[in-house]
Amino acid sequence: MSSPSSPPWPKTIFIISDATGETADRVVHAALLQFSHIPVTLRTYTRVRLEDEMRRIVEKAAEMHALVVFTVVNAPHRELLWSLCDQFNVEAVDLIGALMAKLQGYLAAQPSGVPGLLHTLSEEYFRRVEAVEFTVKNDDGREPRNLPKADLALVGISRTSKTPLSTFLAQKGYKVANVPLVLDLPPPTELEAILPERVYALTIQPDALVKIRLERLRQMGMPADSSYAERDHIKREIAYAQEIFRRHPSWPVIDVTGKAIEETAADIMRIHKDRSRRAE
């Protein structure tokens, strides 16, 4: 049995935000990892911008002996929250106010005070993280069932820069899948399910590919006379890929010979953006 002085509620943290609350939620969860042996309940209140609403939340926090953690960018609202927490004797932590005050002095500028800007930044960051995770999982033809979910699909024979291009584009926020074309083997049927304007065909000149594959064999400790680097075999691979490309005239064919990854990626993004604008 608990003592008469014990609070009637378990340990509770109220998160108050004038935007989505995701920033404060992530910070609190990260900090609580250091106290994983203690059960804690979180309550998140988002888009809180009215005095009456703030008062009701702080009153409830006082009743539950909760800790209040808030991210509020509007200075008058922050001051109001501090005043209410002081009035109701509620412990509180301002996750952003002190930092903004320091930045204001250091930068000699006033903050905009617009709620939601933090969420906009974090949303972009997590969108890129999601794109990278998708791209890694769908590299080199893995999980072909995910092809229709890709923003971009790169198609080409081995060593046409599919993987480094996919990684670069993913860091720009695109979910990318890449599909290797293997001589005399049909492409995965799922490739036909993706919108054709999302597919980009990659090709390369035979002499350049011979050099790239010979270097690859050397790095792997394999004999240089492997068919993988033989010019005639490579020419057959390229011809096979080009036949597939001809059957899909809406796929832009991009020659990667001698191009930096950034240059090829810029070509793909330019075409993709042009197509998106026309579609709108």
C-alpha atoms as a PDB file:
ATOM      1  CA  MET A   1       0.000   0.000   0.000  1.00  0.00           C
ATOM      2  CA  SER A   2       1.317   3.423  -0.898  1.00  0.00           C
ATOM      3  CA  SER A   3       1.876   6.046   1.760  1.00  0.00           C
ATOM      4  CA  PRO A   4      -0.705   8.872   2.201  1.00  0.00           C
ATOM      5  CA  SER A   5       1.754  11.365   0.719  1.00  0.00           C
ATOM      6  CA  SER A   6       2.255   9.374  -2.516  1.00  0.00           C
ATOM      7  CA  PRO A   7       0.717  10.992  -5.587  1.00  0.00           C
ATOM      8  CA  PRO A   8      -2.382   9.214  -6.935  1.00  0.00           C
ATOM      9  CA  TRP A   9      -0.953   9.153 -10.474  1.00  0.00           C
ATOM     10  CA  PRO A  10       2.010   7.304 -12.069  1.00  0.00           C
ATOM     11  CA  LYS A  11       4.906   9.386 -13.345  1.00  0.00           C
ATOM     12  CA  THR A  12       3.502  11.462 -16.190  1.00  0.00           C
ATOM     13  CA  ILE A  13       4.979  13.942 -18.623  1.00  0.00           C
ATOM     14  CA  PHE A  14       2.818  16.437 -20.477  1.00  0.00           C
ATOM     15  CA  ILE A  15       4.224  17.558 -23.832  1.00  0.00           C
ATOM     16  CA  ILE A  16       2.807  20.883 -25.008  1.00  0.00           C
ATOM     17  CA  SER A  17       3.510  22.263 -28.481  1.00  0.00           C
ATOM     18  CA  ASP A  18       2.148  25.035 -30.640  1.00  0.00           C
ATOM     19  CA  ALA A  19       2.850  22.816 -33.680  1.00  0.00           C
ATOM     20  CA  THR A  20       2.847  19.027 -34.109  1.00  0.00           C
ATOM     21  CA  GLY A  21       4.794  18.174 -30.962  1.00  0.00           C
ATOM     22  CA  GLU A  22       7.027  15.710 -32.826  1.00  0.00           C
ATOM     23  CA  THR A  23      10.247  17.517 -31.938  1.00  0.00           C
ATOM     24  CA  ALA A  24       9.519  17.511 -28.196  1.00  0.00           C
ATOM     25  CA  ASP A  25       8.211  13.950 -28.361  1.00  0.00           C
ATOM     26  CA  ARG A  26      11.451  12.672 -29.919  1.00  0.00           C
ATOM     27  CA  VAL A  27      13.632  14.564 -27.454  1.00  0.00           C
ATOM     28  CA  VAL A  28      11.669  13.277 -24.458  1.00  0.00           C
ATOM     29  CA  HIS A  29      11.685   9.696 -25.744  1.00  0.00           C
ATOM     30  CA  ALA A  30      15.440   9.901 -26.319  1.00  0.00           C
ATOM     31  CA  ALA A  31      16.013  11.183 -22.783  1.00  0.00           C
ATOM     32  CA  LEU A  32      13.720   8.543 -21.254  1.00  0.00           C
ATOM     33  CA  LEU A  33      15.894   5.794 -22.705  1.00  0.00           C
ATOM     34  CA  GLN A  34      18.252   6.582 -19.836  1.00  0.00           C
ATOM     35  CA  PHE A  35      15.419   5.788 -17.374  1.00  0.00           C
ATOM     36  CA  SER A  36      13.982   2.698 -19.057  1.00  0.00           C
ATOM     37  CA  HIS A  37      13.462   0.964 -15.701  1.00  0.00           C
ATOM     38  CA  ILE A  38      10.883   3.563 -14.627  1.00  0.00           C
ATOM     39  CA  PRO A  39       7.388   3.475 -16.179  1.00  0.00           C
ATOM     40  CA  VAL A  40       6.378   6.883 -17.507  1.00  0.00           C
ATOM     41  CA  THR A  41       3.181   7.961 -19.246  1.00  0.00           C
ATOM     42  CA  LEU A  42       3.357  10.620 -21.947  1.00  0.00           C
ATOM     43  CA  ARG A  43       0.490  12.918 -22.910  1.00  0.00           C
ATOM     44  CA  THR A  44       0.999  15.122 -25.941  1.00  0.00           C
ATOM     45  CA  TYR A  45      -1.015  18.273 -26.601  1.00  0.00           C
ATOM     46  CA  THR A  46      -0.483  19.742 -30.064  1.00  0.00           C
ATOM     47  CA  ARG A  47      -1.277  23.088 -31.688  1.00  0.00           C
ATOM     48  CA  VAL A  48      -1.891  24.681 -28.297  1.00  0.00           C
ATOM     49  CA  ARG A  49      -2.164  28.433 -28.877  1.00  0.00           C
ATOM     50  CA  LEU A  50      -5.081  29.643 -26.721  1.00  0.00           C
ATOM     51  CA  GLU A  51      -4.770  30.819 -23.114  1.00  0.00           C
ATOM     52  CA  ASP A  52      -7.809  28.870 -21.909  1.00  0.00           C
ATOM     53  CA  GLU A  53      -6.410  25.670 -23.399  1.00  0.00           C
ATOM     54  CA  MET A  54      -3.015  26.239 -21.776  1.00  0.00           C
ATOM     55  CA  ARG A  55      -4.653  26.850 -18.433  1.00  0.00           C
ATOM     56  CA  ARG A  56      -6.733  23.639 -18.602  1.00  0.00           C
ATOM     57  CA  ILE A  57      -3.652  21.565 -19.501  1.00  0.00           C
ATOM     58  CA  VAL A  58      -1.502  23.035 -16.722  1.00  0.00           C
ATOM     59  CA  GLU A  59      -4.309  22.583 -14.182  1.00  0.00           C
ATOM     60  CA  LYS A  60      -4.525  18.919 -15.192  1.00  0.00           C
ATOM     61  CA  ALA A  61      -0.743  18.582 -14.912  1.00  0.00           C
ATOM     62  CA  ALA A  62      -0.920  19.986 -11.389  1.00  0.00           C
ATOM     63  CA  GLU A  63      -3.650  17.514 -10.482  1.00  0.00           C
ATOM     64  CA  MET A  64      -1.566  14.597 -11.795  1.00  0.00           C
ATOM     65  CA  HIS A  65       1.772  15.861 -10.401  1.00  0.00           C
ATOM     66  CA  ALA A  66       3.063  15.776 -13.981  1.00  0.00           C
ATOM     67  CA  LEU A  67       6.164  17.313 -15.476  1.00  0.00           C
ATOM     68  CA  VAL A  68       5.420  19.745 -18.341  1.00  0.00           C
ATOM     69  CA  VAL A  69       7.778  19.834 -21.328  1.00  0.00           C
ATOM     70  CA  PHE A  70       6.995  22.378 -24.003  1.00  0.00           C
ATOM     71  CA  THR A  71       8.178  23.649 -27.371  1.00  0.00           C
ATOM     72  CA  VAL A  72       6.475  26.959 -28.047  1.00  0.00           C
ATOM     73  CA  VAL A  73       8.106  29.440 -30.425  1.00  0.00           C
ATOM     74  CA  ASN A  74       5.808  32.384 -29.704  1.00  0.00           C
ATOM     75  CA  ALA A  75       7.463  34.387 -26.895  1.00  0.00           C
ATOM     76  CA  PRO A  76       4.244  35.664 -25.201  1.00  0.00           C
ATOM     77  CA  HIS A  77       2.859  32.130 -25.186  1.00  0.00           C
ATOM     78  CA  ARG A  78       6.069  30.810 -23.599  1.00  0.00           C
ATOM     79  CA  GLU A  79       5.863  33.456 -20.893  1.00  0.00           C
ATOM     80  CA  LEU A  80       2.221  32.582 -20.284  1.00  0.00           C
ATOM     81  CA  LEU A  81       3.060  28.905 -19.894  1.00  0.00           C
ATOM     82  CA  TRP A  82       5.826  29.707 -17.430  1.00  0.00           C
ATOM     83  CA  SER A  83       3.422  31.912 -15.470  1.00  0.00           C
ATOM     84  CA  LEU A  84       0.741  29.211 -15.360  1.00  0.00           C
ATOM     85  CA  CYS A  85       3.219  26.530 -14.306  1.00  0.00           C
ATOM     86  CA  ASP A  86       4.479  28.818 -11.551  1.00  0.00           C
ATOM     87  CA  GLN A  87       0.923  29.628 -10.483  1.00  0.00           C
ATOM     88  CA  PHE A  88      -0.056  25.936 -10.207  1.00  0.00           C
ATOM     89  CA  ASN A  89       3.335  24.832  -8.840  1.00  0.00           C
ATOM     90  CA  VAL A  90       4.067  22.573 -11.842  1.00  0.00           C
ATOM     91  CA  GLU A  91       7.609  21.570 -12.776  1.00  0.00           C
ATOM     92  CA  ALA A  92       8.325  22.616 -16.385  1.00  0.00           C
ATOM     93  CA  VAL A  93      11.045  22.423 -19.038  1.00  0.00           C
ATOM     94  CA  ASP A  94      11.226  24.809 -22.002  1.00  0.00           C
ATOM     95  CA  LEU A  95      13.032  22.863 -24.732  1.00  0.00           C
ATOM     96  CA  ILE A  96      13.409  25.733 -27.180  1.00  0.00           C
ATOM     97  CA  GLY A  97      13.173  29.056 -25.350  1.00  0.00           C
ATOM     98  CA  ALA A  98      16.725  29.165 -23.951  1.00  0.00           C
ATOM     99  CA  LEU A  99      18.228  28.158 -27.301  1.00  0.00           C
ATOM    100  CA  MET A 100      16.218  30.789 -29.162  1.00  0.00           C
ATOM    101  CA  ALA A 101      17.289  33.447 -26.669  1.00  0.00           C
ATOM    102  CA  LYS A 102      20.944  32.524 -27.172  1.00  0.00           C
ATOM    103  CA  LEU A 103      20.540  32.515 -30.951  1.00  0.00           C
ATOM    104  CA  GLN A 104      18.779  35.872 -30.831  1.00  0.00           C
ATOM    105  CA  GLY A 105      21.754  37.405 -29.042  1.00  0.00           C
ATOM    106  CA  TYR A 106      24.394  35.642 -31.108  1.00  0.00           C
ATOM    107  CA  LEU A 107      22.752  36.398 -34.453  1.00  0.00           C
ATOM    108  CA  ALA A 108      21.540  39.858 -33.423  1.00  0.00           C
ATOM    109  CA  ALA A 109      18.165  39.096 -34.981  1.00  0.00           C
ATOM    110  CA  GLN A 110      14.593  38.478 -33.879  1.00  0.00           C
ATOM    111  CA  PRO A 111      13.124  34.967 -34.339  1.00  0.00           C
ATOM    112  CA  SER A 112      10.117  34.737 -36.651  1.00  0.00           C
ATOM    113  CA  GLY A 113       7.972  33.126 -33.938  1.00  0.00           C
ATOM    114  CA  VAL A 114       6.070  31.069 -36.521  1.00  0.00           C
ATOM    115  CA  PRO A 115       4.834  27.715 -35.128  1.00  0.00           C
ATOM    116  CA  GLY A 116       5.513  24.616 -37.244  1.00  0.00           C
ATOM    117  CA  LEU A 117       8.863  25.584 -38.769  1.00  0.00           C
ATOM    118  CA  LEU A 118      10.661  22.969 -36.675  1.00  0.00           C
ATOM    119  CA  HIS A 119       8.259  20.333 -37.942  1.00  0.00           C
ATOM    120  CA  THR A 120       8.892  21.429 -41.514  1.00  0.00           C
ATOM    121  CA  LEU A 121      12.619  20.843 -41.057  1.00  0.00           C
ATOM    122  CA  SER A 122      12.237  17.525 -39.271  1.00  0.00           C
ATOM    123  CA  GLU A 123       9.690  16.347 -41.828  1.00  0.00           C
ATOM    124  CA  GLU A 124      12.198  16.940 -44.631  1.00  0.00           C
ATOM    125  CA  TYR A 125      14.907  15.127 -42.673  1.00  0.00           C
ATOM    126  CA  PHE A 126      12.773  12.093 -41.944  1.00  0.00           C
ATOM    127  CA  ARG A 127      11.532  12.012 -45.547  1.00  0.00           C
ATOM    128  CA  ARG A 128      15.145  11.641 -46.662  1.00  0.00           C
ATOM    129  CA  VAL A 129      15.824   8.975 -44.061  1.00  0.00           C
ATOM    130  CA  GLU A 130      12.796   7.040 -45.304  1.00  0.00           C
ATOM    131  CA  ALA A 131      14.020   7.397 -48.901  1.00  0.00           C
ATOM    132  CA  VAL A 132      17.474   6.058 -48.009  1.00  0.00           C
ATOM    133  CA  GLU A 133      15.982   3.098 -46.124  1.00  0.00           C
ATOM    134  CA  PHE A 134      13.725   2.254 -49.079  1.00  0.00           C
ATOM    135  CA  THR A 135      16.616   2.515 -51.528  1.00  0.00           C
ATOM    136  CA  VAL A 136      18.926   0.259 -49.509  1.00  0.00           C
ATOM    137  CA  LYS A 137      16.218  -2.392 -49.217  1.00  0.00           C
ATOM    138  CA  ASN A 138      15.513  -2.283 -52.946  1.00  0.00           C
ATOM    139  CA  ASP A 139      19.053  -2.243 -54.292  1.00  0.00           C
ATOM    140  CA  ASP A 140      20.164  -4.590 -57.075  1.00  0.00           C
ATOM    141  CA  GLY A 141      16.732  -6.005 -57.832  1.00  0.00           C
ATOM    142  CA  ARG A 142      15.842  -7.039 -54.283  1.00  0.00           C
ATOM    143  CA  GLU A 143      12.154  -6.917 -53.337  1.00  0.00           C
ATOM    144  CA  PRO A 144      10.769  -6.380 -56.875  1.00  0.00           C
ATOM    145  CA  ARG A 145       7.277  -6.200 -55.396  1.00  0.00           C
ATOM    146  CA  ASN A 146       8.215  -2.735 -54.119  1.00  0.00           C
ATOM    147  CA  LEU A 147       8.922  -1.349 -57.595  1.00  0.00           C
ATOM    148  CA  PRO A 148       5.505   0.354 -57.921  1.00  0.00           C
ATOM    149  CA  LYS A 149       6.246   2.254 -54.672  1.00  0.00           C
ATOM    150  CA  ALA A 150       9.473   3.771 -56.029  1.00  0.00           C
ATOM    151  CA  ASP A 151       9.726   7.426 -57.047  1.00  0.00           C
ATOM    152  CA  LEU A 152      12.431   6.413 -59.516  1.00  0.00           C
ATOM    153  CA  ALA A 153      13.582   3.085 -60.946  1.00  0.00           C
ATOM    154  CA  LEU A 154      17.001   2.707 -62.574  1.00  0.00           C
ATOM    155  CA  VAL A 155      17.466  -0.103 -65.088  1.00  0.00           C
ATOM    156  CA  GLY A 156      20.727  -1.262 -66.630  1.00  0.00           C
ATOM    157  CA  ILE A 157      23.351  -3.987 -66.888  1.00  0.00           C
ATOM    158  CA  SER A 158      26.005  -4.538 -64.238  1.00  0.00           C
ATOM    159  CA  ARG A 159      28.393  -1.632 -63.462  1.00  0.00           C
ATOM    160  CA  THR A 160      26.325   1.137 -65.016  1.00  0.00           C
ATOM    161  CA  SER A 161      26.378   3.089 -61.726  1.00  0.00           C
ATOM    162  CA  LYS A 162      22.930   1.986 -60.585  1.00  0.00           C
ATOM    163  CA  THR A 163      23.759   1.606 -56.887  1.00  0.00           C
ATOM    164  CA  PRO A 164      25.802   4.817 -56.366  1.00  0.00           C
ATOM    165  CA  LEU A 165      23.221   6.757 -58.378  1.00  0.00           C
ATOM    166  CA  SER A 166      20.401   5.305 -56.287  1.00  0.00           C
ATOM    167  CA  THR A 167      22.193   6.258 -53.077  1.00  0.00           C
ATOM    168  CA  PHE A 168      22.858   9.807 -54.271  1.00  0.00           C
ATOM    169  CA  LEU A 169      19.238  10.309 -55.364  1.00  0.00           C
ATOM    170  CA  ALA A 170      17.944   8.845 -52.093  1.00  0.00           C
ATOM    171  CA  GLN A 171      19.882  11.479 -50.191  1.00  0.00           C
ATOM    172  CA  LYS A 172      17.908  14.029 -52.197  1.00  0.00           C
ATOM    173  CA  GLY A 173      14.680  12.476 -50.896  1.00  0.00           C
ATOM    174  CA  TYR A 174      13.777  10.100 -53.751  1.00  0.00           C
ATOM    175  CA  LYS A 175      12.775   6.510 -53.087  1.00  0.00           C
ATOM    176  CA  VAL A 176      14.834   4.635 -55.664  1.00  0.00           C
ATOM    177  CA  ALA A 177      14.809   1.008 -56.786  1.00  0.00           C
ATOM    178  CA  ASN A 178      17.337  -0.332 -59.245  1.00  0.00           C
ATOM    179  CA  VAL A 179      16.942  -3.343 -61.500  1.00  0.00           C
ATOM    180  CA  PRO A 180      19.896  -5.223 -63.009  1.00  0.00           C
ATOM    181  CA  LEU A 181      19.468  -6.543 -66.527  1.00  0.00           C
ATOM    182  CA  VAL A 182      21.069  -9.954 -66.997  1.00  0.00           C
ATOM    183  CA  LEU A 183      21.758 -11.344 -70.480  1.00  0.00           C
ATOM    184  CA  ASP A 184      18.960 -13.617 -71.729  1.00  0.00           C
ATOM    185  CA  LEU A 185      16.955 -13.283 -68.500  1.00  0.00           C
ATOM    186  CA  PRO A 186      13.668 -11.343 -68.643  1.00  0.00           C
ATOM    187  CA  PRO A 187      13.294  -8.326 -66.337  1.00  0.00           C
ATOM    188  CA  PRO A 188      10.999  -8.810 -63.326  1.00  0.00           C
ATOM    189  CA  THR A 189       7.334  -8.618 -64.273  1.00  0.00           C
ATOM    190  CA  GLU A 190       6.828  -5.981 -61.557  1.00  0.00           C
ATOM    191  CA  LEU A 191       8.809  -3.535 -63.692  1.00  0.00           C
ATOM    192  CA  GLU A 192       5.783  -3.289 -65.977  1.00  0.00           C
ATOM    193  CA  ALA A 193       3.623  -2.220 -63.028  1.00  0.00           C
ATOM    194  CA  ILE A 194       5.570   0.951 -62.320  1.00  0.00           C
ATOM    195  CA  LEU A 195       4.559   4.144 -64.097  1.00  0.00           C
ATOM    196  CA  PRO A 196       6.826   4.332 -67.180  1.00  0.00           C
ATOM    197  CA  GLU A 197       7.714   7.979 -66.521  1.00  0.00           C
ATOM    198  CA  ARG A 198       9.473   6.887 -63.338  1.00  0.00           C
ATOM    199  CA  VAL A 199      11.851   4.468 -65.086  1.00  0.00           C
ATOM    200  CA  TYR A 200      15.305   5.540 -66.306  1.00  0.00           C
ATOM    201  CA  ALA A 201      17.488   3.345 -68.506  1.00  0.00           C
ATOM    202  CA  LEU A 202      21.245   3.444 -68.058  1.00  0.00           C
ATOM    203  CA  THR A 203      23.736   2.489 -70.750  1.00  0.00           C
ATOM    204  CA  ILE A 204      27.487   2.757 -71.249  1.00  0.00           C
ATOM    205  CA  GLN A 205      30.044   2.432 -74.043  1.00  0.00           C
ATOM    206  CA  PRO A 206      31.660  -1.051 -74.306  1.00  0.00           C
ATOM    207  CA  ASP A 207      35.295   0.053 -73.983  1.00  0.00           C
ATOM    208  CA  ALA A 208      34.571   2.027 -70.834  1.00  0.00           C
ATOM    209  CA  LEU A 209      32.696  -0.916 -69.309  1.00  0.00           C
ATOM    210  CA  VAL A 210      35.534  -3.315 -70.098  1.00  0.00           C
ATOM    211  CA  LYS A 211      37.911  -1.143 -68.034  1.00  0.00           C
ATOM    212  CA  ILE A 212      35.428  -0.832 -65.154  1.00  0.00           C
ATOM    213  CA  ARG A 213      34.774  -4.564 -64.992  1.00  0.00           C
ATOM    214  CA  LEU A 214      38.453  -5.483 -65.254  1.00  0.00           C
ATOM    215  CA  GLU A 215      39.117  -3.264 -62.261  1.00  0.00           C
ATOM    216  CA  ARG A 216      36.217  -4.874 -60.436  1.00  0.00           C
ATOM    217  CA  LEU A 217      37.636  -8.341 -61.112  1.00  0.00           C
ATOM    218  CA  ARG A 218      41.047  -7.204 -59.874  1.00  0.00           C
ATOM    219  CA  GLN A 219      39.532  -5.922 -56.638  1.00  0.00           C
ATOM    220  CA  MET A 220      37.715  -9.220 -56.140  1.00  0.00           C
ATOM    221  CA  GLY A 221      40.858 -11.272 -56.859  1.00  0.00           C
ATOM    222  CA  MET A 222      39.262 -12.979 -59.846  1.00  0.00           C
ATOM    223  CA  PRO A 223      40.949 -13.843 -63.192  1.00  0.00           C
ATOM    224  CA  ALA A 224      40.855 -11.098 -65.822  1.00  0.00           C
ATOM    225  CA  ASP A 225      39.810 -13.522 -68.566  1.00  0.00           C
ATOM    226  CA  SER A 226      36.346 -13.955 -67.052  1.00  0.00           C
ATOM    227  CA  SER A 227      33.513 -13.473 -69.554  1.00  0.00           C
ATOM    228  CA  TYR A 228      32.269 -10.716 -67.217  1.00  0.00           C
ATOM    229  CA  ALA A 229      34.918  -8.377 -68.690  1.00  0.00           C
ATOM    230  CA  GLU A 230      35.186  -9.760 -72.220  1.00  0.00           C
ATOM    231  CA  ARG A 231      34.350  -7.163 -74.837  1.00  0.00           C
ATOM    232  CA  ASP A 232      32.173  -9.452 -76.975  1.00  0.00           C
ATOM    233  CA  HIS A 233      30.161 -10.572 -73.969  1.00  0.00           C
ATOM    234  CA  ILE A 234      29.709  -6.964 -72.861  1.00  0.00           C
ATOM    235  CA  LYS A 235      28.530  -5.947 -76.336  1.00  0.00           C
ATOM    236  CA  ARG A 236      25.895  -8.690 -76.211  1.00  0.00           C
ATOM    237  CA  GLU A 237      24.754  -7.462 -72.789  1.00  0.00           C
ATOM    238  CA  ILE A 238      24.473  -3.881 -74.026  1.00  0.00           C
ATOM    239  CA  ALA A 239      22.568  -4.977 -77.135  1.00  0.00           C
ATOM    240  CA  TYR A 240      20.188  -7.036 -74.987  1.00  0.00           C
ATOM    241  CA  ALA A 241      19.553  -4.052 -72.709  1.00  0.00           C
ATOM    242  CA  GLN A 242      19.013  -1.714 -75.654  1.00  0.00           C
ATOM    243  CA  GLU A 243      16.427  -4.100 -77.092  1.00  0.00           C
ATOM    244  CA  ILE A 244      14.507  -3.894 -73.794  1.00  0.00           C
ATOM    245  CA  PHE A 245      14.830  -0.097 -73.858  1.00  0.00           C
ATOM    246  CA  ARG A 246      13.432   0.037 -77.410  1.00  0.00           C
ATOM    247  CA  ARG A 247      10.354  -1.820 -76.202  1.00  0.00           C
ATOM    248  CA  HIS A 248       9.831   0.964 -73.645  1.00  0.00           C
ATOM    249  CA  PRO A 249      10.189   4.208 -75.600  1.00  0.00           C
ATOM    250  CA  SER A 250       9.017   6.327 -72.656  1.00  0.00           C
ATOM    251  CA  TRP A 251      12.114   5.359 -70.641  1.00  0.00           C
ATOM    252  CA  PRO A 252      14.823   8.013 -71.042  1.00  0.00           C
ATOM    253  CA  VAL A 253      18.115   6.342 -71.983  1.00  0.00           C
ATOM    254  CA  ILE A 254      21.072   7.985 -70.246  1.00  0.00           C
ATOM    255  CA  ASP A 255      24.653   7.204 -71.256  1.00  0.00           C
ATOM    256  CA  VAL A 256      26.776   7.214 -68.095  1.00  0.00           C
ATOM    257  CA  THR A 257      30.116   6.868 -69.921  1.00  0.00           C
ATOM    258  CA  GLY A 258      32.684   9.159 -68.332  1.00  0.00           C
ATOM    259  CA  LYS A 259      30.063  10.969 -66.248  1.00  0.00           C
ATOM    260  CA  ALA A 260      30.287  11.737 -62.556  1.00  0.00           C
ATOM    261  CA  ILE A 261      27.462  10.382 -60.412  1.00  0.00           C
ATOM    262  CA  GLU A 262      26.358  13.956 -59.633  1.00  0.00           C
ATOM    263  CA  GLU A 263      26.115  14.780 -63.341  1.00  0.00           C
ATOM    264  CA  THR A 264      23.957  11.764 -64.185  1.00  0.00           C
ATOM    265  CA  ALA A 265      21.785  12.362 -61.118  1.00  0.00           C
ATOM    266  CA  ALA A 266      21.269  15.972 -62.201  1.00  0.00           C
ATOM    267  CA  ASP A 267      20.068  14.753 -65.619  1.00  0.00           C
ATOM    268  CA  ILE A 268      17.609  12.338 -64.011  1.00  0.00           C
ATOM    269  CA  MET A 269      16.260  14.935 -61.564  1.00  0.00           C
ATOM    270  CA  ARG A 270      15.858  17.510 -64.343  1.00  0.00           C
ATOM    271  CA  ILE A 271      13.859  15.089 -66.512  1.00  0.00           C
ATOM    272  CA  HIS A 272      11.807  13.949 -63.521  1.00  0.00           C
ATOM    273  CA  LYS A 273      10.939  17.523 -62.526  1.00  0.00           C
ATOM    274  CA  ASP A 274      10.055  18.460 -66.108  1.00  0.00           C
ATOM    275  CA  ARG A 275       7.732  15.473 -66.342  1.00  0.00           C
ATOM    276  CA  SER A 276       6.134  16.279 -62.984  1.00  0.00           C
ATOM    277  CA  ARG A 277       5.445  19.866 -64.063  1.00  0.00           C
ATOM    278  CA  ARG A 278       3.877  18.704 -67.322  1.00  0.00           C
ATOM    279  CA  ALA A 279       1.730  16.202 -65.434  1.00  0.00           C
ATOM    280  CA  GLU A 280       0.435  18.981 -63.164  1.00  0.00           C
END
